[in-house]
Protein backbone atom coordinates (compact mmCIF):
# COMPACT_ATOMS: atom_id res chain seq x y z
CA MET A 1 7.28 -11.79 8.25
CA LYS A 2 7.24 -8.14 9.70
CA ILE A 3 4.28 -6.05 8.75
CA GLU A 4 4.68 -1.97 9.41
CA PHE A 5 1.72 0.03 8.63
CA LEU A 6 3.67 3.11 8.11
CA GLY A 7 0.61 4.97 7.19
CA THR A 8 -3.04 4.43 7.25
CA GLY A 9 -4.88 7.33 5.02
CA ALA A 10 -6.37 8.36 2.08
CA ALA A 11 -5.09 11.10 -0.77
CA GLU A 12 -6.12 14.07 1.48
CA GLY A 13 -5.23 12.24 4.70
CA ILE A 14 -6.58 12.90 8.01
CA PRO A 15 -6.90 15.54 9.34
CA ALA A 16 -7.28 16.00 5.61
CA MET A 17 -5.25 19.72 5.06
CA PHE A 18 -7.83 21.77 3.77
CA CYS A 19 -10.62 20.68 5.48
CA ASN A 20 -13.08 22.29 8.79
CA CYS A 21 -15.65 19.67 8.57
CA ALA A 22 -16.42 18.28 12.24
CA PHE A 23 -14.55 15.00 11.97
CA CYS A 24 -11.57 16.63 10.97
CA LYS A 25 -11.76 19.16 13.51
CA GLU A 26 -12.17 17.15 15.91
CA ALA A 27 -8.99 14.66 14.98
CA ILE A 28 -7.26 17.90 15.50
CA ARG A 29 -8.67 18.19 18.89
CA LYS A 30 -7.77 14.85 19.85
CA GLY A 31 -4.09 14.91 17.43
CA THR A 32 -5.47 11.78 16.04
CA VAL A 33 -4.24 11.57 12.41
CA ARG A 34 -3.40 9.23 9.75
CA SER A 35 -1.11 9.76 7.15
CA ARG A 36 -0.89 8.75 3.79
CA THR A 37 -0.83 4.67 2.90
CA GLN A 38 2.90 2.90 3.20
CA VAL A 39 3.07 -0.60 3.98
CA LEU A 40 6.99 -2.34 4.79
CA LEU A 41 7.32 -5.64 5.06
CA ASP A 42 10.54 -6.93 6.31
CA GLY A 43 12.27 -3.54 6.54
CA GLU A 44 13.47 -4.04 3.28
CA LEU A 45 10.19 -3.98 0.91
CA SER A 46 8.05 -1.26 0.78
CA ILE A 47 4.60 -0.77 -0.90
CA ASP A 48 4.13 2.41 -1.98
CA PHE A 49 6.35 5.92 -1.09
CA PRO A 50 4.22 8.61 -0.54
CA PRO A 51 5.11 12.69 0.50
CA ASP A 52 4.81 11.68 4.35
CA ALA A 53 7.50 8.85 3.80
CA PHE A 54 9.76 11.15 5.72
CA TYR A 55 7.61 11.89 8.72
CA HIS A 56 7.09 7.71 8.73
CA ARG A 57 11.00 6.83 9.11
CA ALA A 58 11.24 10.17 11.78
CA ARG A 59 7.78 8.38 13.41
CA SER A 60 8.86 5.11 13.53
CA GLY A 61 12.61 5.15 13.42
CA ALA A 62 12.62 2.64 10.72
CA ASP A 63 15.52 2.42 8.43
CA PHE A 64 14.85 3.84 5.04
CA SER A 65 17.95 3.23 3.50
CA ALA A 66 17.72 -0.54 4.16
CA ILE A 67 15.06 -1.02 1.78
CA ARG A 68 15.80 -2.50 -1.27
CA TYR A 69 13.05 -2.76 -3.16
CA VAL A 70 9.99 -0.31 -3.41
CA LEU A 71 6.86 -1.27 -5.30
CA VAL A 72 4.89 1.35 -6.60
CA THR A 73 0.69 0.28 -6.74
CA HIS A 74 0.49 3.38 -8.98
CA ALA A 75 1.83 7.12 -9.98
CA HIS A 76 -0.91 9.14 -7.49
CA GLN A 77 1.25 11.32 -5.75
CA ASP A 78 -0.95 10.19 -2.39
CA HIS A 79 1.22 6.36 -3.29
CA PHE A 80 4.47 7.79 -5.68
CA PHE A 81 6.41 10.58 -4.45
CA ALA A 82 9.51 10.55 -6.34
CA ASN A 83 10.87 13.97 -5.70
CA ASP A 84 12.25 12.18 -2.51
CA PHE A 85 14.48 9.88 -4.10
CA ILE A 86 16.95 12.76 -5.04
CA LEU A 87 18.12 12.49 -1.63
CA ARG A 88 18.72 8.54 -1.35
CA GLY A 89 22.87 9.70 -0.90
CA TYR A 90 25.56 12.33 -1.97
CA LYS A 91 25.93 14.88 0.96
CA TYR A 92 21.84 14.12 1.98
CA ALA A 93 22.39 10.85 3.54
CA ARG A 94 25.79 9.09 4.49
CA GLU A 95 25.94 5.68 6.12
CA MET A 96 23.40 4.05 4.10
CA THR A 97 22.83 0.40 4.86
CA GLU A 98 22.38 -0.96 1.59
CA THR A 99 23.66 1.21 -1.61
CA ASP A 100 20.83 0.26 -4.30
CA LEU A 101 17.35 0.94 -4.82
CA ASN A 102 15.15 -1.25 -6.78
CA LEU A 103 11.82 0.44 -7.62
CA PHE A 104 9.36 -2.12 -9.49
CA GLY A 105 5.81 -0.52 -10.84
CA SER A 106 3.97 0.38 -14.32
CA GLU A 107 5.56 2.00 -17.35
CA GLU A 108 3.39 4.89 -16.36
CA THR A 109 5.52 5.03 -12.83
CA CYS A 110 9.11 4.57 -14.08
CA GLU A 111 7.97 7.57 -16.37
CA ILE A 112 6.93 9.56 -13.78
CA PHE A 113 10.22 8.99 -11.60
CA CYS A 114 12.09 10.44 -14.32
CA GLU A 115 9.89 13.39 -14.83
CA SER A 116 10.07 14.19 -11.30
CA THR A 117 13.80 13.63 -10.48
CA ARG A 118 14.44 14.69 -14.04
CA ARG A 119 16.16 18.38 -12.80
CA GLU A 120 17.75 17.08 -9.07
CA LEU A 121 19.19 13.55 -9.42
CA ARG A 122 22.89 13.22 -9.06
CA PRO A 123 24.53 11.05 -11.46
CA GLU A 124 25.86 9.71 -8.38
CA ILE A 125 22.39 8.58 -6.48
CA GLY A 126 20.78 7.93 -9.62
CA GLU A 127 23.40 5.20 -10.91
CA HIS A 128 22.11 3.11 -8.00
CA ILE A 129 18.17 3.60 -8.13
CA ARG A 130 17.00 0.75 -10.76
CA LEU A 131 13.86 0.85 -12.29
CA TYR A 132 11.82 -1.91 -13.62
CA VAL A 133 8.24 -1.90 -15.13
CA LEU A 134 5.64 -4.64 -13.98
CA SER A 135 2.66 -5.95 -15.83
CA ALA A 136 -0.47 -7.51 -14.84
CA PHE A 137 -0.50 -11.22 -14.61
CA GLU A 138 3.69 -11.42 -14.78
CA GLU A 139 5.31 -12.83 -12.08
CA ALA A 140 8.61 -11.53 -11.00
CA ARG A 141 11.41 -12.94 -8.75
CA PHE A 142 13.86 -10.73 -6.78
CA GLY A 143 16.49 -11.38 -3.37
CA GLU A 144 13.86 -14.23 -1.65
CA TRP A 145 10.58 -12.47 -2.64
CA LYS A 146 8.08 -13.33 -5.64
CA VAL A 147 5.54 -11.09 -7.00
CA TYR A 148 2.61 -11.68 -8.78
CA PRO A 149 1.10 -8.12 -9.88
CA LEU A 150 -3.08 -8.22 -10.56
CA LYS A 151 -5.09 -5.28 -12.34
CA ALA A 152 -6.63 -2.99 -9.90
CA LYS A 153 -9.60 -0.87 -10.70
CA HIS A 154 -8.39 2.24 -10.16
CA SER A 155 -8.11 5.51 -12.63
CA SER A 156 -4.37 5.50 -13.37
CA ARG A 157 -3.05 3.66 -16.35
CA GLU A 158 -1.95 -0.15 -15.38
CA PRO A 159 -2.61 0.76 -11.71
CA LEU A 160 -1.43 -2.55 -10.16
CA VAL A 161 -1.93 -4.43 -6.67
CA PHE A 162 0.29 -7.66 -5.28
CA LEU A 163 0.21 -10.90 -4.23
CA LEU A 164 4.33 -11.02 -2.69
CA GLU A 165 5.82 -14.25 -1.25
CA LYS A 166 8.67 -14.43 0.51
CA ASN A 167 9.49 -17.69 2.64
CA GLY A 168 6.23 -19.61 2.42
CA LYS A 169 4.36 -16.63 3.89
CA ARG A 170 1.95 -14.74 1.70
CA VAL A 171 0.62 -11.38 1.65
CA LEU A 172 -1.76 -10.16 -0.70
CA HIS A 173 -1.97 -6.03 -0.99
CA LEU A 174 -5.56 -5.07 -2.77
CA HIS A 175 -4.96 -0.94 -2.21
CA ASP A 176 -5.99 1.28 -4.27
CA THR A 177 -8.83 -0.74 -6.11
CA GLY A 178 -12.45 -1.14 -6.64
CA LEU A 179 -14.18 -4.19 -6.41
CA LEU A 180 -11.30 -7.00 -8.68
CA PRO A 181 -11.56 -8.31 -11.92
CA ASP A 182 -13.10 -11.48 -12.92
CA GLU A 183 -9.25 -11.71 -14.30
CA ASP A 184 -7.61 -11.46 -11.24
CA TYR A 185 -9.26 -14.45 -9.36
CA GLU A 186 -8.75 -16.13 -12.48
CA TYR A 187 -4.80 -15.86 -12.60
CA LEU A 188 -4.82 -16.03 -8.45
CA SER A 189 -6.79 -19.30 -9.17
CA LYS A 190 -3.97 -20.78 -11.35
CA ILE A 191 -1.15 -19.70 -9.01
CA GLY A 192 -2.97 -21.79 -6.28
CA GLY A 193 -0.95 -22.03 -3.00
CA GLY A 194 -3.40 -22.61 -0.28
CA SER A 195 -4.96 -19.44 1.72
CA VAL A 196 -2.91 -16.46 2.13
CA ASP A 197 -1.52 -15.25 5.96
CA LEU A 198 -2.98 -11.55 5.39
CA VAL A 199 -4.50 -9.29 2.87
CA THR A 200 -5.01 -5.42 2.75
CA LEU A 201 -8.10 -4.15 2.07
CA ASP A 202 -9.19 -0.62 0.53
CA CYS A 203 -11.76 0.52 2.57
CA THR A 204 -11.71 4.09 1.84
CA PHE A 205 -15.82 4.23 2.28
CA LEU A 206 -15.69 2.06 5.31
CA TYR A 207 -20.17 1.89 5.77
CA ASP A 208 -20.42 4.06 3.10
CA ARG A 209 -21.18 1.99 -0.13
CA ALA A 210 -19.38 1.97 -3.05
CA ASP A 211 -21.24 2.43 -6.58
CA ALA A 212 -20.23 -0.35 -9.37
CA ASN A 213 -17.77 1.70 -11.05
CA ALA A 214 -15.82 2.90 -7.67
CA ARG A 215 -12.12 2.78 -7.77
CA HIS A 216 -11.98 1.91 -4.20
CA MET A 217 -14.20 -0.05 -1.96
CA GLY A 218 -15.74 0.10 1.85
CA LEU A 219 -16.65 -2.61 4.16
CA TYR A 220 -19.15 -4.25 1.97
CA GLU A 221 -17.16 -4.23 -0.77
CA ASN A 222 -14.23 -5.63 1.10
CA ALA A 223 -16.82 -8.86 2.48
CA GLU A 224 -17.80 -9.64 -1.81
CA VAL A 225 -13.56 -9.73 -2.50
CA LEU A 226 -12.92 -11.82 1.04
CA ARG A 227 -16.22 -14.17 -0.64
CA LYS A 228 -14.54 -14.73 -3.64
CA LEU A 229 -11.15 -15.50 -2.12
CA GLU A 230 -12.45 -17.91 -0.14
CA GLU A 231 -14.76 -19.81 -3.14
CA ILE A 232 -10.79 -19.66 -4.84
CA GLY A 233 -8.96 -21.15 -1.85
CA PHE A 234 -7.02 -17.66 -0.89
CA ALA A 235 -8.49 -16.94 2.43
CA ASP A 236 -9.67 -19.02 5.31
CA SER A 237 -10.06 -18.55 8.91
CA HIS A 238 -6.48 -18.18 9.49
CA THR A 239 -5.78 -15.56 6.68
CA LYS A 240 -5.50 -12.59 9.15
CA ARG A 241 -8.03 -9.41 7.08
CA VAL A 242 -6.75 -5.59 7.75
CA ILE A 243 -8.69 -2.64 6.17
CA SER A 244 -7.04 0.49 5.57
CA HIS A 245 -6.88 3.45 3.83
CA PHE A 246 -9.23 5.58 5.04
CA SER A 247 -10.90 8.64 3.59
CA HIS A 248 -12.25 11.38 6.32
CA ASN A 249 -15.33 11.47 4.26
CA ALA A 250 -16.56 8.31 6.12
CA SER A 251 -15.81 9.69 9.87
CA PRO A 252 -13.53 6.64 10.45
CA THR A 253 -13.87 7.25 14.45
CA ALA A 254 -12.81 4.44 16.83
CA GLU A 255 -16.12 3.77 18.07
CA LYS A 256 -16.90 2.78 13.78
CA LEU A 257 -13.69 1.32 13.61
CA ARG A 258 -14.55 -0.93 16.57
CA ARG A 259 -18.29 -2.03 15.26
CA ALA A 260 -16.55 -3.25 12.04
CA GLU A 261 -13.96 -5.47 13.08
CA GLU A 262 -16.78 -6.73 15.47
CA GLU A 263 -19.42 -7.31 12.45
CA PHE A 264 -16.63 -8.19 9.88
CA GLY A 265 -13.75 -10.20 11.15
CA VAL A 266 -11.25 -7.48 10.12
CA ILE A 267 -8.65 -5.74 12.14
CA ALA A 268 -8.45 -1.77 11.58
CA ALA A 269 -5.13 -0.48 10.70
CA TYR A 270 -3.58 2.71 12.18
CA ASP A 271 -0.61 4.47 11.84
CA GLY A 272 2.09 2.67 13.03
CA MET A 273 0.49 -0.86 13.55
CA GLU A 274 3.09 -4.03 13.21
CA ILE A 275 1.74 -7.41 12.81
CA GLU A 276 4.05 -10.55 12.47
CA ILE A 277 2.73 -13.37 10.13
């Protein structure tokens, strides 16, 4: 399975659009960019679809018309910019690889899609976009994929994180979320199946500690999640552990990220990073 980290920044991106802090000024000077988070699996399944999707397509060269499935974690605009789907067809897009798109998310996500596209979605485009409501702890199957939605600790209505399986490979995608609720570990224990091949971890705060009610994580919370995953057999020495979704407030310099990799045994994602599992 090929996993592409098209964007690795938090909601405001890096450099943050309206920010003049020292870190963002240095990011501008160095040309350091972290766009809003999007992960592409095997070129056909996108986790989230942010406002930076146009930039991701232009920079990476990925064929976005080949995306058959979009899984949306939650309806915040940095993870789901539904307006762009009005451009999927008609005169805006020709010779597309896939005619149909299947979009999966919470009830709120589907509502946001309808609200955002109501005025401009042409019928000949809309008829090729299918919406499916996902709920936590209810398995979904499509194509070669199995998806197990889990509860995220975030501020949107029923935010989700996902366990994904395809052809014997498994990915656990854990952002945006704070520390996972106990229900998630209980559900994963029931699923079983051994350790995952890769886990992506929300690391918005990096070395800053999150409070108990936080809706994001940092390295110390990541370590706690990984410990619990190891306890239930969902992570072991072969599991790749990727941190992403960095905020400018945590000043994720190259030096800090190298230190994090050494101290916590993780891989710090960057825009355009690819991993094969």
